[in-house]
Protein backbone atom coordinates (compact mmCIF):
# COMPACT_ATOMS: atom_id res chain seq x y z
CA MET A 1 0.02 0.10 -0.07
CA ALA A 2 1.30 3.30 -0.95
CA ASP A 3 2.06 5.85 1.58
CA LYS A 4 -0.46 8.53 1.58
CA LYS A 5 1.58 11.17 3.19
CA LYS A 6 4.32 11.01 0.75
CA PHE A 7 4.39 13.02 -2.57
CA ILE A 8 6.49 11.00 -5.25
CA ILE A 9 5.98 11.77 -8.76
CA THR A 10 6.67 10.00 -11.70
CA THR A 11 7.91 11.56 -14.98
CA PRO A 12 6.50 10.63 -18.55
CA ASP A 13 10.06 8.58 -19.31
CA GLY A 14 9.91 6.80 -15.89
CA ARG A 15 11.80 8.76 -13.56
CA ARG A 16 10.53 9.32 -9.92
CA ALA A 17 11.06 11.92 -7.49
CA ASP A 18 10.12 12.32 -3.78
CA LEU A 19 8.72 15.91 -3.40
CA THR A 20 7.61 15.24 0.31
CA ASN A 21 10.20 17.68 1.73
CA ALA A 22 11.10 19.35 -1.32
CA ARG A 23 11.38 23.28 -1.32
CA THR A 24 9.15 25.21 -3.69
CA LEU A 25 11.30 27.76 -5.68
CA LYS A 26 8.64 29.24 -7.68
CA SER A 27 4.84 28.40 -8.60
CA ASN A 28 1.56 29.89 -9.82
CA ASN A 29 -1.03 27.77 -8.55
CA LEU A 30 -4.21 29.66 -9.03
CA TYR A 31 -7.78 28.11 -9.09
CA PRO A 32 -9.13 27.50 -11.41
CA PHE A 33 -6.35 25.64 -12.59
CA GLY A 34 -5.05 25.39 -16.13
CA LYS A 35 -2.04 25.88 -18.32
CA HIS A 36 -0.88 28.91 -16.02
CA ASN A 37 -0.37 26.43 -13.13
CA TYR A 38 3.25 25.61 -12.53
CA SER A 39 5.38 24.87 -9.50
CA ILE A 40 9.43 24.37 -9.57
CA TYR A 41 10.72 22.20 -6.58
CA GLU A 42 14.14 21.41 -5.20
CA THR A 43 14.42 18.23 -3.13
CA PRO A 44 16.83 17.52 -0.29
CA GLU A 45 18.74 15.54 -2.64
CA GLY A 46 19.21 18.51 -5.23
CA VAL A 47 16.99 17.18 -7.74
CA PHE A 48 14.96 19.97 -9.48
CA VAL A 49 11.31 19.19 -10.67
CA ARG A 50 9.13 21.21 -12.64
CA GLY A 51 5.44 20.51 -12.43
CA PHE A 52 2.75 21.72 -14.72
CA ASN A 53 -0.74 21.79 -15.88
CA ASP A 54 -1.96 20.39 -19.45
CA GLY A 55 -4.80 22.49 -19.12
CA GLU A 56 -6.83 20.45 -16.67
CA ARG A 57 -9.18 22.82 -14.65
CA GLU A 58 -9.80 20.65 -11.59
CA ILE A 59 -6.16 19.23 -11.17
CA MET A 60 -3.45 21.67 -10.13
CA LEU A 61 -0.49 19.91 -11.53
CA THR A 62 -0.81 17.09 -14.31
CA ARG A 63 2.57 16.46 -15.52
CA PHE A 64 6.10 16.42 -14.10
CA ASP A 65 9.53 16.78 -15.30
CA ILE A 66 13.10 16.57 -13.81
CA ILE A 67 15.08 19.59 -14.87
CA ASP A 68 18.48 20.72 -14.39
CA GLU A 69 19.50 23.38 -11.68
CA ALA A 70 20.18 26.40 -13.98
CA THR A 71 16.67 25.93 -15.90
CA ALA A 72 14.94 25.58 -12.44
CA ARG A 73 16.57 28.81 -11.00
CA ASN A 74 15.80 30.96 -13.93
CA TYR A 75 12.27 29.32 -15.12
CA GLN A 76 9.87 31.62 -16.91
CA HIS A 77 6.43 30.17 -17.48
CA THR A 78 5.11 30.48 -20.75
CA TYR A 79 1.48 30.88 -19.96
CA VAL A 80 -0.29 33.56 -18.02
CA ARG A 81 -3.87 33.15 -16.33
CA GLU A 82 -6.67 34.12 -18.56
CA GLU A 83 -9.70 35.46 -16.81
CA GLU A 84 -13.04 34.22 -17.82
């Protein structure tokens, strides 16, 4: 049984990262969710993860990628929130 207190992600290429104790470096997670949502995380082990939303209104982050430190620290998200 999975530990429900853990925040473990899997990337599309099958890599995993534990974000349970990760530090959020940047984020924009506003409801209603959409492509403007993202978070940049740094794990205690020094792994950098970008979480983002493919356009799903009810789920904050739908996909995750492991990225390098320079990309994480200089990340500029391409989408902005559009008011309905």
